[in-house]
Amino acid sequence: MCAHIPPCPTASAPDREAARSTTYRPEQGWSLLCNGVLLFEDTGEVLPNGVIVAPHHPALAATPS
């Protein structure tokens, strides 16, 4: 799907979220990446093969007081 040089990560790659956005709908809370991944603002994903990836918010770093 991706025509970028160098190509974006595939939908099965661990870094798939690094692919470029082809469609961005902030009012609806999602983006379509050039590798076919549908990425939601809550970090959930739908892969091109229909697999759903649950939201995976990064752990908050402890801040010194």
Protein backbone atom coordinates (compact mmCIF):
# COMPACT_ATOMS: atom_id res chain seq x y z
CA MET A 1 0.00 0.00 0.00
CA CYS A 2 2.75 2.44 0.91
CA ALA A 3 4.56 4.26 -1.87
CA HIS A 4 6.87 6.28 0.41
CA ILE A 5 10.65 6.00 0.19
CA PRO A 6 11.71 4.46 2.51
CA PRO A 7 8.45 2.55 2.90
CA CYS A 8 6.41 2.89 6.07
CA PRO A 9 6.19 -0.03 8.50
CA THR A 10 3.73 -2.74 7.51
CA ALA A 11 0.51 -3.31 9.44
CA SER A 12 2.08 -6.36 11.11
CA ALA A 13 5.25 -4.53 12.22
CA PRO A 14 5.66 -3.58 15.89
CA ASP A 15 6.13 0.08 14.87
CA ARG A 16 3.07 0.15 12.55
CA GLU A 17 1.82 3.40 14.14
CA ALA A 18 4.81 5.22 12.62
CA ALA A 19 3.26 4.97 9.13
CA ARG A 20 2.08 8.19 7.54
CA SER A 21 -1.53 9.26 7.85
CA THR A 22 -3.48 9.31 4.57
CA THR A 23 -6.81 10.38 6.08
CA TYR A 24 -7.23 12.32 9.31
CA ARG A 25 -10.63 12.92 10.91
CA PRO A 26 -9.98 14.62 14.27
CA GLU A 27 -13.67 15.43 14.71
CA GLN A 28 -14.36 11.67 14.62
CA GLY A 29 -11.20 10.65 16.48
CA TRP A 30 -9.45 8.48 13.90
CA SER A 31 -6.76 8.37 11.23
CA LEU A 32 -6.16 5.94 8.38
CA LEU A 33 -2.48 5.14 7.95
CA CYS A 34 -0.89 4.28 4.60
CA ASN A 35 -0.32 0.69 5.79
CA GLY A 36 -4.09 0.24 6.16
CA VAL A 37 -4.23 0.58 9.95
CA LEU A 38 -7.18 2.52 11.34
CA LEU A 39 -5.78 4.36 14.36
CA PHE A 40 -8.08 5.88 17.00
CA GLU A 41 -7.18 8.80 19.27
CA ASP A 42 -7.48 6.54 22.33
CA THR A 43 -4.59 4.46 20.78
CA GLY A 44 -6.89 1.60 19.79
CA GLU A 45 -6.42 0.18 16.28
CA VAL A 46 -8.13 -1.91 13.64
CA LEU A 47 -5.67 -3.73 11.40
CA PRO A 48 -6.39 -4.34 7.70
CA ASN A 49 -7.14 -8.02 8.41
CA GLY A 50 -9.88 -7.00 10.90
CA VAL A 51 -7.87 -7.67 14.07
CA ILE A 52 -8.73 -5.19 16.83
CA VAL A 53 -5.90 -3.89 19.01
CA ALA A 54 -7.09 -2.57 22.36
CA PRO A 55 -6.03 0.94 23.44
CA HIS A 56 -2.52 0.90 24.86
CA HIS A 57 -1.88 4.19 26.58
CA PRO A 58 1.76 4.62 27.60
CA ALA A 59 2.45 4.32 31.30
CA LEU A 60 2.70 7.67 33.02
CA ALA A 61 6.17 8.46 34.29
CA ALA A 62 6.44 9.21 37.96
CA THR A 63 7.29 12.84 38.56
CA PRO A 64 9.48 13.82 41.47
CA SER A 65 7.70 15.86 44.12
